[in-house]
Amino acid sequence: MYHFAIVALLALAALKASDFICDNIPGVEQLRSLVTYVLAIGAVVWLDYSVFAGWGVEIRDADLGVWTTGFLVTGLTVPWRAAFRWLTHDQATADESLGEGREQLRQVA
């Protein structure tokens, strides 16, 4: 259970760090998904953390477990983005899957 919390909170940290970077550095906004991907994978590799080792799952190559955990962290940024959208009713940025597409309401009366 704790290992899932670690992965989920690493995803939240990577998501918010990428939001901070993209909001404060001009021109990086178009690369928000790539920045999130690099931060999530980079954090897990830097920490040398494998959720599979924590769960006791045997993997032939320990480095593969670390990289796969990085992909899991990257994938968990999508539910975090959707949860924030649901809570705040804000759209994500243009390159995110939840972005663009909000239609303007037209006045009928």
N, C-alpha and C. Protein backbone atom coordinates (compact mmCIF):
# COMPACT_ATOMS: atom_id res chain seq x y z
N MET A 1 0.82 -1.19 0.00
CA MET A 1 0.00 0.00 0.00
C MET A 1 0.86 1.25 0.00
N TYR A 2 1.92 1.25 0.80
CA TYR A 2 2.79 2.42 0.86
C TYR A 2 3.51 2.65 -0.47
N HIS A 3 3.82 1.58 -1.16
CA HIS A 3 4.53 1.72 -2.43
C HIS A 3 3.63 2.36 -3.49
N PHE A 4 2.34 2.03 -3.46
CA PHE A 4 1.42 2.69 -4.38
C PHE A 4 1.32 4.17 -4.04
N ALA A 5 1.30 4.52 -2.77
CA ALA A 5 1.25 5.93 -2.36
C ALA A 5 2.49 6.67 -2.82
N ILE A 6 3.64 6.02 -2.75
CA ILE A 6 4.88 6.64 -3.22
C ILE A 6 4.79 6.93 -4.71
N VAL A 7 4.32 5.96 -5.48
CA VAL A 7 4.20 6.15 -6.93
C VAL A 7 3.19 7.26 -7.24
N ALA A 8 2.05 7.26 -6.56
CA ALA A 8 1.03 8.28 -6.81
C ALA A 8 1.53 9.68 -6.45
N LEU A 9 2.23 9.79 -5.34
CA LEU A 9 2.73 11.11 -4.94
C LEU A 9 3.91 11.57 -5.79
N LEU A 10 4.70 10.64 -6.30
CA LEU A 10 5.74 11.01 -7.27
C LEU A 10 5.10 11.55 -8.55
N ALA A 11 3.99 10.94 -8.96
CA ALA A 11 3.28 11.43 -10.14
C ALA A 11 2.73 12.83 -9.90
N LEU A 12 2.18 13.07 -8.72
CA LEU A 12 1.67 14.39 -8.39
C LEU A 12 2.80 15.42 -8.37
N ALA A 13 3.93 15.06 -7.81
CA ALA A 13 5.08 15.97 -7.76
C ALA A 13 5.59 16.28 -9.17
N ALA A 14 5.68 15.28 -10.01
CA ALA A 14 6.15 15.50 -11.39
C ALA A 14 5.16 16.38 -12.15
N LEU A 15 3.89 16.16 -11.96
CA LEU A 15 2.86 16.94 -12.65
C LEU A 15 2.92 18.41 -12.23
N LYS A 16 3.00 18.66 -10.95
CA LYS A 16 3.01 20.04 -10.48
C LYS A 16 4.34 20.73 -10.78
N ALA A 17 5.44 19.99 -10.76
CA ALA A 17 6.72 20.58 -11.14
C ALA A 17 6.72 20.96 -12.62
N SER A 18 6.13 20.10 -13.45
CA SER A 18 6.05 20.44 -14.88
C SER A 18 5.11 21.62 -15.11
N ASP A 19 4.03 21.72 -14.35
CA ASP A 19 3.15 22.88 -14.46
C ASP A 19 3.90 24.16 -14.08
N PHE A 20 4.68 24.09 -13.02
CA PHE A 20 5.44 25.26 -12.58
C PHE A 20 6.46 25.67 -13.64
N ILE A 21 7.17 24.70 -14.18
CA ILE A 21 8.19 25.00 -15.20
C ILE A 21 7.54 25.59 -16.44
N CYS A 22 6.47 24.98 -16.89
CA CYS A 22 5.82 25.43 -18.13
C CYS A 22 5.13 26.78 -17.96
N ASP A 23 4.67 27.09 -16.77
CA ASP A 23 4.03 28.38 -16.54
C ASP A 23 5.03 29.51 -16.40
N ASN A 24 6.27 29.21 -16.03
CA ASN A 24 7.25 30.25 -15.75
C ASN A 24 8.34 30.40 -16.79
N ILE A 25 8.46 29.48 -17.70
CA ILE A 25 9.47 29.59 -18.76
C ILE A 25 8.73 29.73 -20.08
N PRO A 26 8.90 30.88 -20.74
CA PRO A 26 8.18 31.08 -22.00
C PRO A 26 8.64 30.10 -23.07
N GLY A 27 7.70 29.64 -23.86
CA GLY A 27 8.00 28.75 -24.97
C GLY A 27 8.01 27.27 -24.62
N VAL A 28 7.96 26.94 -23.35
CA VAL A 28 7.98 25.53 -22.95
C VAL A 28 6.56 24.97 -22.86
N GLU A 29 5.57 25.84 -22.91
CA GLU A 29 4.17 25.43 -22.80
C GLU A 29 3.79 24.35 -23.82
N GLN A 30 4.33 24.44 -25.01
CA GLN A 30 4.00 23.46 -26.06
C GLN A 30 4.60 22.08 -25.76
N LEU A 31 5.56 22.02 -24.85
CA LEU A 31 6.23 20.75 -24.54
C LEU A 31 5.86 20.22 -23.16
N ARG A 32 4.69 20.61 -22.66
CA ARG A 32 4.31 20.24 -21.29
C ARG A 32 4.32 18.73 -21.08
N SER A 33 3.81 17.97 -22.02
CA SER A 33 3.78 16.51 -21.86
C SER A 33 5.18 15.92 -21.82
N LEU A 34 6.06 16.43 -22.66
CA LEU A 34 7.44 15.95 -22.67
C LEU A 34 8.15 16.30 -21.37
N VAL A 35 7.92 17.50 -20.86
CA VAL A 35 8.53 17.92 -19.59
C VAL A 35 8.04 17.02 -18.46
N THR A 36 6.75 16.72 -18.45
CA THR A 36 6.20 15.84 -17.42
C THR A 36 6.81 14.44 -17.51
N TYR A 37 6.93 13.95 -18.72
CA TYR A 37 7.52 12.64 -18.95
C TYR A 37 8.97 12.58 -18.44
N VAL A 38 9.75 13.59 -18.81
CA VAL A 38 11.16 13.62 -18.41
C VAL A 38 11.29 13.75 -16.89
N LEU A 39 10.48 14.60 -16.28
CA LEU A 39 10.56 14.76 -14.83
C LEU A 39 10.16 13.49 -14.08
N ALA A 40 9.12 12.82 -14.53
CA ALA A 40 8.67 11.61 -13.84
C ALA A 40 9.69 10.49 -13.96
N ILE A 41 10.15 10.23 -15.17
CA ILE A 41 11.14 9.17 -15.36
C ILE A 41 12.45 9.55 -14.66
N GLY A 42 12.86 10.80 -14.81
CA GLY A 42 14.11 11.25 -14.19
C GLY A 42 14.10 11.14 -12.68
N ALA A 43 12.96 11.47 -12.05
CA ALA A 43 12.88 11.38 -10.60
C ALA A 43 13.01 9.94 -10.12
N VAL A 44 12.35 9.03 -10.81
CA VAL A 44 12.40 7.62 -10.39
C VAL A 44 13.79 7.04 -10.62
N VAL A 45 14.40 7.37 -11.74
CA VAL A 45 15.76 6.86 -12.00
C VAL A 45 16.75 7.47 -11.01
N TRP A 46 16.59 8.76 -10.71
CA TRP A 46 17.47 9.42 -9.75
C TRP A 46 17.34 8.80 -8.37
N LEU A 47 16.10 8.47 -7.97
CA LEU A 47 15.87 7.83 -6.67
C LEU A 47 16.22 6.34 -6.68
N ASP A 48 16.37 5.76 -7.88
CA ASP A 48 16.63 4.33 -8.04
C ASP A 48 15.56 3.52 -7.29
N TYR A 49 14.32 3.89 -7.54
CA TYR A 49 13.19 3.29 -6.86
C TYR A 49 12.44 2.35 -7.79
N SER A 50 12.19 1.14 -7.31
CA SER A 50 11.41 0.17 -8.06
C SER A 50 10.25 -0.30 -7.19
N VAL A 51 9.04 -0.05 -7.64
CA VAL A 51 7.87 -0.47 -6.91
C VAL A 51 7.78 -1.99 -6.88
N PHE A 52 8.34 -2.63 -7.89
CA PHE A 52 8.29 -4.09 -7.95
C PHE A 52 9.16 -4.72 -6.87
N ALA A 53 10.29 -4.11 -6.58
CA ALA A 53 11.12 -4.61 -5.47
C ALA A 53 10.40 -4.44 -4.15
N GLY A 54 9.66 -3.33 -4.02
CA GLY A 54 8.90 -3.10 -2.79
C GLY A 54 7.78 -4.10 -2.61
N TRP A 55 7.17 -4.52 -3.70
CA TRP A 55 6.10 -5.50 -3.63
C TRP A 55 6.61 -6.93 -3.61
N GLY A 56 7.92 -7.12 -3.77
CA GLY A 56 8.50 -8.45 -3.75
C GLY A 56 8.34 -9.20 -5.07
N VAL A 57 8.15 -8.49 -6.16
CA VAL A 57 8.02 -9.11 -7.47
C VAL A 57 9.42 -9.26 -8.06
N GLU A 58 9.77 -10.47 -8.43
CA GLU A 58 11.09 -10.73 -8.99
C GLU A 58 11.15 -10.30 -10.45
N ILE A 59 12.11 -9.46 -10.78
CA ILE A 59 12.35 -9.04 -12.15
C ILE A 59 13.80 -9.39 -12.46
N ARG A 60 14.01 -9.96 -13.62
CA ARG A 60 15.34 -10.43 -13.99
C ARG A 60 16.38 -9.30 -13.98
N ASP A 61 15.99 -8.14 -14.49
CA ASP A 61 16.91 -7.00 -14.56
C ASP A 61 16.37 -5.90 -13.65
N ALA A 62 17.12 -5.55 -12.60
CA ALA A 62 16.67 -4.56 -11.64
C ALA A 62 16.46 -3.19 -12.28
N ASP A 63 17.29 -2.85 -13.26
CA ASP A 63 17.13 -1.55 -13.94
C ASP A 63 15.81 -1.47 -14.70
N LEU A 64 15.36 -2.59 -15.22
CA LEU A 64 14.08 -2.62 -15.91
C LEU A 64 12.94 -2.30 -14.95
N GLY A 65 13.03 -2.75 -13.72
CA GLY A 65 12.02 -2.43 -12.71
C GLY A 65 11.98 -0.94 -12.41
N VAL A 66 13.15 -0.30 -12.35
CA VAL A 66 13.21 1.14 -12.10
C VAL A 66 12.58 1.90 -13.26
N TRP A 67 12.94 1.55 -14.48
CA TRP A 67 12.40 2.25 -15.65
C TRP A 67 10.90 2.02 -15.79
N THR A 68 10.43 0.81 -15.51
CA THR A 68 9.01 0.52 -15.58
C THR A 68 8.25 1.31 -14.51
N THR A 69 8.84 1.46 -13.35
CA THR A 69 8.23 2.29 -12.32
C THR A 69 8.14 3.74 -12.79
N GLY A 70 9.14 4.20 -13.52
CA GLY A 70 9.08 5.54 -14.10
C GLY A 70 7.93 5.69 -15.07
N PHE A 71 7.69 4.66 -15.88
CA PHE A 71 6.55 4.70 -16.79
C PHE A 71 5.23 4.67 -16.04
N LEU A 72 5.18 3.94 -14.92
CA LEU A 72 3.97 3.93 -14.10
C LEU A 72 3.71 5.32 -13.51
N VAL A 73 4.76 5.96 -13.03
CA VAL A 73 4.62 7.31 -12.48
C VAL A 73 4.14 8.27 -13.56
N THR A 74 4.71 8.16 -14.75
CA THR A 74 4.29 9.01 -15.86
C THR A 74 2.82 8.77 -16.20
N GLY A 75 2.40 7.53 -16.22
CA GLY A 75 1.01 7.22 -16.53
C GLY A 75 0.03 7.71 -15.48
N LEU A 76 0.46 7.77 -14.24
CA LEU A 76 -0.44 8.24 -13.18
C LEU A 76 -0.61 9.75 -13.17
N THR A 77 0.12 10.47 -13.99
CA THR A 77 -0.10 11.91 -14.07
C THR A 77 -1.44 12.21 -14.77
N VAL A 78 -1.90 11.34 -15.62
CA VAL A 78 -3.16 11.55 -16.34
C VAL A 78 -4.36 11.55 -15.38
N PRO A 79 -4.49 10.57 -14.47
CA PRO A 79 -5.61 10.64 -13.52
C PRO A 79 -5.52 11.86 -12.60
N TRP A 80 -4.31 12.26 -12.23
CA TRP A 80 -4.17 13.47 -11.42
C TRP A 80 -4.69 14.68 -12.18
N ARG A 81 -4.34 14.80 -13.45
CA ARG A 81 -4.81 15.92 -14.27
C ARG A 81 -6.33 15.89 -14.37
N ALA A 82 -6.91 14.70 -14.57
CA ALA A 82 -8.37 14.58 -14.65
C ALA A 82 -9.04 14.92 -13.32
N ALA A 83 -8.43 14.53 -12.21
CA ALA A 83 -8.99 14.85 -10.90
C ALA A 83 -8.97 16.36 -10.66
N PHE A 84 -7.89 17.02 -11.04
CA PHE A 84 -7.84 18.48 -10.88
C PHE A 84 -8.87 19.16 -11.77
N ARG A 85 -9.07 18.63 -12.97
CA ARG A 85 -10.08 19.21 -13.86
C ARG A 85 -11.46 19.05 -13.25
N TRP A 86 -11.74 17.90 -12.68
CA TRP A 86 -13.05 17.65 -12.08
C TRP A 86 -13.26 18.55 -10.86
N LEU A 87 -12.23 18.75 -10.05
CA LEU A 87 -12.37 19.57 -8.86
C LEU A 87 -12.47 21.06 -9.17
N THR A 88 -11.74 21.52 -10.17
CA THR A 88 -11.68 22.95 -10.44
C THR A 88 -12.47 23.37 -11.67
N HIS A 89 -12.90 22.43 -12.48
CA HIS A 89 -13.62 22.70 -13.73
C HIS A 89 -12.78 23.53 -14.70
N ASP A 90 -11.47 23.42 -14.60
CA ASP A 90 -10.56 24.08 -15.54
C ASP A 90 -10.10 23.07 -16.57
N GLN A 91 -9.90 23.55 -17.79
CA GLN A 91 -9.37 22.69 -18.84
C GLN A 91 -7.86 22.58 -18.69
N ALA A 92 -7.31 21.48 -19.15
CA ALA A 92 -5.86 21.32 -19.18
C ALA A 92 -5.31 22.13 -20.35
N THR A 93 -4.02 22.08 -20.52
CA THR A 93 -3.40 22.86 -21.59
C THR A 93 -3.64 22.20 -22.94
N ALA A 94 -3.22 22.88 -23.98
CA ALA A 94 -3.54 22.47 -25.35
C ALA A 94 -2.98 21.10 -25.71
N ASP A 95 -1.82 20.73 -25.21
CA ASP A 95 -1.24 19.47 -25.67
C ASP A 95 -1.66 18.29 -24.80
N GLU A 96 -2.42 18.52 -23.76
CA GLU A 96 -2.89 17.43 -22.92
C GLU A 96 -4.17 16.85 -23.51
N SER A 97 -4.44 15.61 -23.19
CA SER A 97 -5.61 14.93 -23.75
C SER A 97 -6.92 15.54 -23.27
N LEU A 98 -6.90 16.23 -22.14
CA LEU A 98 -8.13 16.81 -21.62
C LEU A 98 -8.29 18.27 -22.04
N GLY A 99 -7.38 18.76 -22.86
CA GLY A 99 -7.37 20.17 -23.23
C GLY A 99 -8.42 20.52 -24.26
N GLU A 100 -8.20 21.60 -24.99
CA GLU A 100 -9.06 22.17 -26.03
C GLU A 100 -10.32 21.37 -26.30
N GLY A 101 -11.36 22.03 -26.64
CA GLY A 101 -12.59 21.34 -26.95
C GLY A 101 -13.77 21.88 -26.19
N ARG A 102 -13.53 22.80 -25.30
CA ARG A 102 -14.64 23.40 -24.56
C ARG A 102 -15.35 24.38 -25.49
N GLU A 103 -16.58 24.11 -25.73
CA GLU A 103 -17.33 24.96 -26.64
C GLU A 103 -17.96 26.11 -25.86
N GLN A 104 -18.03 27.24 -26.51
CA GLN A 104 -18.65 28.40 -25.90
C GLN A 104 -20.17 28.24 -25.94
N LEU A 105 -20.83 28.64 -24.88
CA LEU A 105 -22.29 28.58 -24.85
C LEU A 105 -22.82 29.79 -25.61
N ARG A 106 -23.82 29.55 -26.40
CA ARG A 106 -24.39 30.68 -27.14
C ARG A 106 -25.65 31.11 -26.41
N GLN A 107 -25.89 32.38 -26.48
CA GLN A 107 -27.04 32.95 -25.80
C GLN A 107 -28.29 32.74 -26.65
N VAL A 108 -29.32 32.16 -26.09
CA VAL A 108 -30.52 31.85 -26.85
C VAL A 108 -31.69 32.79 -26.54
N ALA A 109 -31.61 33.51 -25.47
CA ALA A 109 -32.74 34.39 -25.11
C ALA A 109 -32.35 35.84 -25.24
